[in-house]
Amino acid sequence: MGIADLRREYNLAGLRRADLAADPVTQFNKWFAQAVAALSGAEGEDVNSATLATADKAGRPSARIVLVKGVDERGFIFFTNYHSRKAEELAENPHAALVCYWPGLERQVCIAGDVAKISRAESEAYFKTRPRGSRLAAWASRQSETLENRAVLEKEWEELQAKYPEEVPMPPNWGGYVLSPSRIEFWQGRPSRLHDRFRYSRQPDKSWRIERLAP
């Protein structure tokens, strides 16, 4: 079977205008709770994973998977090394997009807006909740730099274990961002590719306009 022969029919549910909350973050949290209930623990499912798309100042795009670690009235929060490629691109061009996809529910959410760093205090509060190995890795990995081999990375990690036998402080070049949405689209798969799509657009008065889009 070739790639072009791979097909899937979407039959689980529909999405009506009457189903939607007035605020897209409220709607996202509703869908996210349903995804957690239905998919958490399933093999291969990181329910809070999302594709983060950024672009440099010339408009050249790149994308990767990140983990969304918070959603509130400000937007969608994720963490990274501030010397990484994504961070460098956000410094040049602070506009980005996130896509959450839950194939088990035949749903995706597309989010676009401006990105800014959160406070160091908020980043530190989250950093302290990470497993010890993850905290050490934040120091050991000079994210996006070239490595001679894996042994270099593992040696650095082992040295950091000895350096920080107890508390592991947060690196100065690590922390969080919040993507403040100006547009959020909710997509529900439907049979025969007649999908349901609704777009929330932020208006000048900070309210949200909701429109149905053609699939």
C-alpha atoms as a PDB file:
ATOM      1  CA  MET A   1       0.000   0.000   0.000  1.00  0.00           C
ATOM      2  CA  GLY A   2       1.359   3.397  -0.969  1.00  0.00           C
ATOM      3  CA  ILE A   3       1.103   6.646   0.972  1.00  0.00           C
ATOM      4  CA  ALA A   4      -1.619   7.888  -1.369  1.00  0.00           C
ATOM      5  CA  ASP A   5      -3.711   4.821  -0.517  1.00  0.00           C
ATOM      6  CA  LEU A   6      -3.808   5.549   3.215  1.00  0.00           C
ATOM      7  CA  ARG A   7      -7.242   6.842   4.162  1.00  0.00           C
ATOM      8  CA  ARG A   8      -9.361   7.248   7.244  1.00  0.00           C
ATOM      9  CA  GLU A   9     -13.029   8.041   7.682  1.00  0.00           C
ATOM     10  CA  TYR A  10     -14.074  10.298  10.569  1.00  0.00           C
ATOM     11  CA  ASN A  11     -17.282   9.167  12.237  1.00  0.00           C
ATOM     12  CA  LEU A  12     -17.120   9.894  15.963  1.00  0.00           C
ATOM     13  CA  ALA A  13     -18.928  13.201  16.405  1.00  0.00           C
ATOM     14  CA  GLY A  14     -20.011  16.528  14.997  1.00  0.00           C
ATOM     15  CA  LEU A  15     -19.572  20.096  16.194  1.00  0.00           C
ATOM     16  CA  ARG A  16     -22.354  22.693  16.162  1.00  0.00           C
ATOM     17  CA  ARG A  17     -22.237  26.419  16.846  1.00  0.00           C
ATOM     18  CA  ALA A  18     -24.504  25.790  19.835  1.00  0.00           C
ATOM     19  CA  ASP A  19     -21.861  23.461  21.316  1.00  0.00           C
ATOM     20  CA  LEU A  20     -19.244  26.214  21.581  1.00  0.00           C
ATOM     21  CA  ALA A  21     -18.390  28.327  24.613  1.00  0.00           C
ATOM     22  CA  ALA A  22     -18.232  32.086  24.114  1.00  0.00           C
ATOM     23  CA  ASP A  23     -14.558  32.083  25.091  1.00  0.00           C
ATOM     24  CA  PRO A  24     -12.122  29.854  23.168  1.00  0.00           C
ATOM     25  CA  VAL A  25      -9.942  29.096  26.197  1.00  0.00           C
ATOM     26  CA  THR A  26     -13.025  27.758  27.970  1.00  0.00           C
ATOM     27  CA  GLN A  27     -13.797  25.672  24.887  1.00  0.00           C
ATOM     28  CA  PHE A  28     -10.198  24.425  24.719  1.00  0.00           C
ATOM     29  CA  ASN A  29     -10.263  23.404  28.381  1.00  0.00           C
ATOM     30  CA  LYS A  30     -13.495  21.485  27.757  1.00  0.00           C
ATOM     31  CA  TRP A  31     -11.968  19.578  24.841  1.00  0.00           C
ATOM     32  CA  PHE A  32      -8.712  19.046  26.719  1.00  0.00           C
ATOM     33  CA  ALA A  33     -10.535  17.547  29.715  1.00  0.00           C
ATOM     34  CA  GLN A  34     -12.347  15.188  27.355  1.00  0.00           C
ATOM     35  CA  ALA A  35      -9.029  14.222  25.736  1.00  0.00           C
ATOM     36  CA  VAL A  36      -7.465  13.506  29.125  1.00  0.00           C
ATOM     37  CA  ALA A  37     -10.443  11.381  30.152  1.00  0.00           C
ATOM     38  CA  ALA A  38     -10.487   9.431  26.894  1.00  0.00           C
ATOM     39  CA  LEU A  39      -6.826   9.162  25.955  1.00  0.00           C
ATOM     40  CA  SER A  40      -4.555   9.471  29.013  1.00  0.00           C
ATOM     41  CA  GLY A  41      -2.663   6.257  29.518  1.00  0.00           C
ATOM     42  CA  ALA A  42      -3.193   5.126  25.946  1.00  0.00           C
ATOM     43  CA  GLU A  43       0.004   3.935  24.288  1.00  0.00           C
ATOM     44  CA  GLY A  44       1.740   6.709  22.393  1.00  0.00           C
ATOM     45  CA  GLU A  45      -0.609   9.438  23.627  1.00  0.00           C
ATOM     46  CA  ASP A  46       0.884  12.649  25.047  1.00  0.00           C
ATOM     47  CA  VAL A  47      -2.387  14.492  25.445  1.00  0.00           C
ATOM     48  CA  ASN A  48      -0.689  17.855  26.088  1.00  0.00           C
ATOM     49  CA  SER A  49       1.672  17.633  23.117  1.00  0.00           C
ATOM     50  CA  ALA A  50       1.389  20.251  20.394  1.00  0.00           C
ATOM     51  CA  THR A  51       3.210  21.265  17.241  1.00  0.00           C
ATOM     52  CA  LEU A  52       4.822  24.675  17.706  1.00  0.00           C
ATOM     53  CA  ALA A  53       5.537  26.545  14.462  1.00  0.00           C
ATOM     54  CA  THR A  54       7.889  29.527  14.461  1.00  0.00           C
ATOM     55  CA  ALA A  55       9.649  31.543  11.771  1.00  0.00           C
ATOM     56  CA  ASP A  56      12.836  33.574  11.650  1.00  0.00           C
ATOM     57  CA  LYS A  57      12.970  37.235  10.628  1.00  0.00           C
ATOM     58  CA  ALA A  58      13.130  36.207   6.962  1.00  0.00           C
ATOM     59  CA  GLY A  59       9.938  34.200   7.324  1.00  0.00           C
ATOM     60  CA  ARG A  60      11.607  30.789   7.039  1.00  0.00           C
ATOM     61  CA  PRO A  61       9.490  28.415   9.143  1.00  0.00           C
ATOM     62  CA  SER A  62      10.329  25.542  11.435  1.00  0.00           C
ATOM     63  CA  ALA A  63       8.162  23.319  13.616  1.00  0.00           C
ATOM     64  CA  ARG A  64       8.543  20.811  16.433  1.00  0.00           C
ATOM     65  CA  ILE A  65       6.534  19.107  19.138  1.00  0.00           C
ATOM     66  CA  VAL A  66       6.391  20.775  22.577  1.00  0.00           C
ATOM     67  CA  LEU A  67       4.385  20.017  25.703  1.00  0.00           C
ATOM     68  CA  VAL A  68       1.787  22.572  26.746  1.00  0.00           C
ATOM     69  CA  LYS A  69       2.215  23.005  30.497  1.00  0.00           C
ATOM     70  CA  GLY A  70      -0.435  25.585  31.273  1.00  0.00           C
ATOM     71  CA  VAL A  71      -3.528  27.240  29.849  1.00  0.00           C
ATOM     72  CA  ASP A  72      -5.062  30.310  31.449  1.00  0.00           C
ATOM     73  CA  GLU A  73      -6.565  33.689  30.541  1.00  0.00           C
ATOM     74  CA  ARG A  74      -3.184  34.786  29.130  1.00  0.00           C
ATOM     75  CA  GLY A  75      -2.891  31.883  26.726  1.00  0.00           C
ATOM     76  CA  PHE A  76      -0.859  28.687  26.273  1.00  0.00           C
ATOM     77  CA  ILE A  77       2.354  28.106  28.229  1.00  0.00           C
ATOM     78  CA  PHE A  78       5.370  25.998  27.264  1.00  0.00           C
ATOM     79  CA  PHE A  79       8.998  25.824  28.422  1.00  0.00           C
ATOM     80  CA  THR A  80      12.331  25.580  26.647  1.00  0.00           C
ATOM     81  CA  ASN A  81      15.984  26.527  26.546  1.00  0.00           C
ATOM     82  CA  TYR A  82      16.249  30.233  25.711  1.00  0.00           C
ATOM     83  CA  HIS A  83      19.269  29.489  23.490  1.00  0.00           C
ATOM     84  CA  SER A  84      17.395  26.962  21.353  1.00  0.00           C
ATOM     85  CA  ARG A  85      16.459  27.527  17.727  1.00  0.00           C
ATOM     86  CA  LYS A  86      12.822  28.096  18.616  1.00  0.00           C
ATOM     87  CA  ALA A  87      13.825  30.718  21.182  1.00  0.00           C
ATOM     88  CA  GLU A  88      16.125  32.464  18.706  1.00  0.00           C
ATOM     89  CA  GLU A  89      13.317  32.572  16.154  1.00  0.00           C
ATOM     90  CA  LEU A  90      10.845  33.897  18.729  1.00  0.00           C
ATOM     91  CA  ALA A  91      13.327  36.662  19.608  1.00  0.00           C
ATOM     92  CA  GLU A  92      13.426  37.659  15.927  1.00  0.00           C
ATOM     93  CA  ASN A  93       9.751  37.106  15.192  1.00  0.00           C
ATOM     94  CA  PRO A  94       7.467  36.784  18.262  1.00  0.00           C
ATOM     95  CA  HIS A  95       4.521  35.352  16.316  1.00  0.00           C
ATOM     96  CA  ALA A  96       3.834  31.617  16.416  1.00  0.00           C
ATOM     97  CA  ALA A  97       1.230  28.901  16.020  1.00  0.00           C
ATOM     98  CA  LEU A  98       0.351  25.802  18.034  1.00  0.00           C
ATOM     99  CA  VAL A  99      -1.579  22.775  16.816  1.00  0.00           C
ATOM    100  CA  CYS A 100      -3.023  20.222  19.233  1.00  0.00           C
ATOM    101  CA  TYR A 101      -4.163  17.005  17.557  1.00  0.00           C
ATOM    102  CA  TRP A 102      -6.082  14.189  19.238  1.00  0.00           C
ATOM    103  CA  PRO A 103      -6.584  11.509  16.564  1.00  0.00           C
ATOM    104  CA  GLY A 104      -8.433   9.287  19.026  1.00  0.00           C
ATOM    105  CA  LEU A 105     -11.156  11.943  19.224  1.00  0.00           C
ATOM    106  CA  GLU A 106     -10.799  13.086  15.588  1.00  0.00           C
ATOM    107  CA  ARG A 107     -10.120  16.643  16.782  1.00  0.00           C
ATOM    108  CA  GLN A 108      -7.534  19.340  16.378  1.00  0.00           C
ATOM    109  CA  VAL A 109      -7.156  22.874  17.693  1.00  0.00           C
ATOM    110  CA  CYS A 110      -5.102  25.458  15.754  1.00  0.00           C
ATOM    111  CA  ILE A 111      -3.893  28.463  17.754  1.00  0.00           C
ATOM    112  CA  ALA A 112      -2.022  31.544  16.517  1.00  0.00           C
ATOM    113  CA  GLY A 113      -0.845  34.684  18.256  1.00  0.00           C
ATOM    114  CA  ASP A 114       2.001  36.582  19.874  1.00  0.00           C
ATOM    115  CA  VAL A 115       4.539  34.970  22.193  1.00  0.00           C
ATOM    116  CA  ALA A 116       6.311  36.471  25.212  1.00  0.00           C
ATOM    117  CA  LYS A 117       8.440  35.139  28.053  1.00  0.00           C
ATOM    118  CA  ILE A 118       6.736  34.554  31.382  1.00  0.00           C
ATOM    119  CA  SER A 119       8.348  35.753  34.612  1.00  0.00           C
ATOM    120  CA  ARG A 120      11.393  34.000  36.018  1.00  0.00           C
ATOM    121  CA  ALA A 121       9.497  33.395  39.252  1.00  0.00           C
ATOM    122  CA  GLU A 122       6.752  31.538  37.376  1.00  0.00           C
ATOM    123  CA  SER A 123       9.336  29.527  35.430  1.00  0.00           C
ATOM    124  CA  GLU A 124      11.146  28.583  38.638  1.00  0.00           C
ATOM    125  CA  ALA A 125       7.900  27.460  40.257  1.00  0.00           C
ATOM    126  CA  TYR A 126       7.315  25.069  37.365  1.00  0.00           C
ATOM    127  CA  PHE A 127      10.973  23.965  37.194  1.00  0.00           C
ATOM    128  CA  LYS A 128      10.798  22.732  40.790  1.00  0.00           C
ATOM    129  CA  THR A 129       7.978  20.346  39.843  1.00  0.00           C
ATOM    130  CA  ARG A 130      10.065  18.581  37.179  1.00  0.00           C
ATOM    131  CA  PRO A 131      11.701  15.219  37.897  1.00  0.00           C
ATOM    132  CA  ARG A 132      15.320  15.492  38.999  1.00  0.00           C
ATOM    133  CA  GLY A 133      16.580  13.956  35.757  1.00  0.00           C
ATOM    134  CA  SER A 134      14.706  16.527  33.698  1.00  0.00           C
ATOM    135  CA  ARG A 135      16.121  19.366  35.777  1.00  0.00           C
ATOM    136  CA  LEU A 136      19.650  18.071  35.250  1.00  0.00           C
ATOM    137  CA  ALA A 137      18.968  17.677  31.529  1.00  0.00           C
ATOM    138  CA  ALA A 138      18.014  21.354  31.302  1.00  0.00           C
ATOM    139  CA  TRP A 139      21.609  22.131  32.318  1.00  0.00           C
ATOM    140  CA  ALA A 140      23.275  19.354  30.340  1.00  0.00           C
ATOM    141  CA  SER A 141      21.644  20.009  26.988  1.00  0.00           C
ATOM    142  CA  ARG A 142      22.839  23.018  25.023  1.00  0.00           C
ATOM    143  CA  GLN A 143      19.734  22.669  22.915  1.00  0.00           C
ATOM    144  CA  SER A 144      20.135  22.871  19.130  1.00  0.00           C
ATOM    145  CA  GLU A 145      23.960  22.945  19.278  1.00  0.00           C
ATOM    146  CA  THR A 146      25.908  20.255  17.445  1.00  0.00           C
ATOM    147  CA  LEU A 147      27.369  17.340  19.454  1.00  0.00           C
ATOM    148  CA  GLU A 148      30.406  15.239  18.611  1.00  0.00           C
ATOM    149  CA  ASN A 149      28.627  12.174  20.000  1.00  0.00           C
ATOM    150  CA  ARG A 150      26.133  11.094  22.689  1.00  0.00           C
ATOM    151  CA  ALA A 151      28.941  10.380  25.165  1.00  0.00           C
ATOM    152  CA  VAL A 152      29.580  14.138  25.469  1.00  0.00           C
ATOM    153  CA  LEU A 153      25.989  14.700  26.585  1.00  0.00           C
ATOM    154  CA  GLU A 154      25.983  11.789  29.025  1.00  0.00           C
ATOM    155  CA  LYS A 155      29.311  12.872  30.566  1.00  0.00           C
ATOM    156  CA  GLU A 156      27.918  16.373  31.133  1.00  0.00           C
ATOM    157  CA  TRP A 157      24.804  14.917  32.766  1.00  0.00           C
ATOM    158  CA  GLU A 158      26.880  12.715  35.100  1.00  0.00           C
ATOM    159  CA  GLU A 159      29.070  15.665  36.125  1.00  0.00           C
ATOM    160  CA  LEU A 160      25.968  17.680  36.920  1.00  0.00           C
ATOM    161  CA  GLN A 161      24.657  14.870  39.122  1.00  0.00           C
ATOM    162  CA  ALA A 162      27.791  15.228  41.223  1.00  0.00           C
ATOM    163  CA  LYS A 163      27.651  19.035  41.164  1.00  0.00           C
ATOM    164  CA  TYR A 164      24.039  19.152  42.354  1.00  0.00           C
ATOM    165  CA  PRO A 165      23.595  16.200  44.748  1.00  0.00           C
ATOM    166  CA  GLU A 166      20.438  17.673  46.226  1.00  0.00           C
ATOM    167  CA  GLU A 167      18.654  20.758  44.912  1.00  0.00           C
ATOM    168  CA  VAL A 168      19.004  21.484  41.180  1.00  0.00           C
ATOM    169  CA  PRO A 169      18.599  25.207  40.441  1.00  0.00           C
ATOM    170  CA  MET A 170      16.980  26.446  37.261  1.00  0.00           C
ATOM    171  CA  PRO A 171      19.490  27.383  34.542  1.00  0.00           C
ATOM    172  CA  PRO A 172      19.576  31.115  33.719  1.00  0.00           C
ATOM    173  CA  ASN A 173      18.907  30.329  30.043  1.00  0.00           C
ATOM    174  CA  TRP A 174      15.780  28.244  30.603  1.00  0.00           C
ATOM    175  CA  GLY A 175      12.158  29.236  31.142  1.00  0.00           C
ATOM    176  CA  GLY A 176       8.661  29.601  29.847  1.00  0.00           C
ATOM    177  CA  TYR A 177       6.710  31.387  27.145  1.00  0.00           C
ATOM    178  CA  VAL A 178       3.043  32.185  26.799  1.00  0.00           C
ATOM    179  CA  LEU A 179       1.347  32.269  23.413  1.00  0.00           C
ATOM    180  CA  SER A 180      -1.480  34.818  23.648  1.00  0.00           C
ATOM    181  CA  PRO A 181      -4.001  33.821  20.979  1.00  0.00           C
ATOM    182  CA  SER A 182      -5.511  36.159  18.428  1.00  0.00           C
ATOM    183  CA  ARG A 183      -7.075  33.247  16.525  1.00  0.00           C
ATOM    184  CA  ILE A 184      -8.175  29.769  17.619  1.00  0.00           C
ATOM    185  CA  GLU A 185      -9.801  27.204  15.338  1.00  0.00           C
ATOM    186  CA  PHE A 186     -11.595  24.049  16.469  1.00  0.00           C
ATOM    187  CA  TRP A 187     -11.779  21.158  13.980  1.00  0.00           C
ATOM    188  CA  GLN A 188     -13.917  18.063  14.315  1.00  0.00           C
ATOM    189  CA  GLY A 189     -13.515  15.329  11.717  1.00  0.00           C
ATOM    190  CA  ARG A 190     -16.672  14.317   9.852  1.00  0.00           C
ATOM    191  CA  PRO A 191     -17.514  11.684   7.215  1.00  0.00           C
ATOM    192  CA  SER A 192     -16.620  12.304   3.566  1.00  0.00           C
ATOM    193  CA  ARG A 193     -14.223  15.083   4.616  1.00  0.00           C
ATOM    194  CA  LEU A 194     -17.137  17.446   5.391  1.00  0.00           C
ATOM    195  CA  HIS A 195     -15.437  18.438   8.613  1.00  0.00           C
ATOM    196  CA  ASP A 196     -16.758  20.953  11.133  1.00  0.00           C
ATOM    197  CA  ARG A 197     -14.505  23.992  11.586  1.00  0.00           C
ATOM    198  CA  PHE A 198     -15.110  27.033  13.775  1.00  0.00           C
ATOM    199  CA  ARG A 199     -12.753  29.989  14.089  1.00  0.00           C
ATOM    200  CA  TYR A 200     -12.573  32.384  17.038  1.00  0.00           C
ATOM    201  CA  SER A 201     -11.032  35.753  16.097  1.00  0.00           C
ATOM    202  CA  ARG A 202     -10.041  38.350  18.697  1.00  0.00           C
ATOM    203  CA  GLN A 203     -11.807  41.659  18.085  1.00  0.00           C
ATOM    204  CA  PRO A 204     -10.518  45.179  18.897  1.00  0.00           C
ATOM    205  CA  ASP A 205     -12.716  45.292  22.005  1.00  0.00           C
ATOM    206  CA  LYS A 206     -11.134  41.986  23.176  1.00  0.00           C
ATOM    207  CA  SER A 207     -14.322  40.018  22.499  1.00  0.00           C
ATOM    208  CA  TRP A 208     -14.305  36.926  20.263  1.00  0.00           C
ATOM    209  CA  ARG A 209     -16.005  36.529  16.918  1.00  0.00           C
ATOM    210  CA  ILE A 210     -17.028  32.964  16.033  1.00  0.00           C
ATOM    211  CA  GLU A 211     -17.413  31.876  12.411  1.00  0.00           C
ATOM    212  CA  ARG A 212     -17.951  28.528  10.727  1.00  0.00           C
ATOM    213  CA  LEU A 213     -15.360  27.752   8.053  1.00  0.00           C
ATOM    214  CA  ALA A 214     -15.655  25.513   5.034  1.00  0.00           C
ATOM    215  CA  PRO A 215     -13.702  22.282   5.433  1.00  0.00           C
END
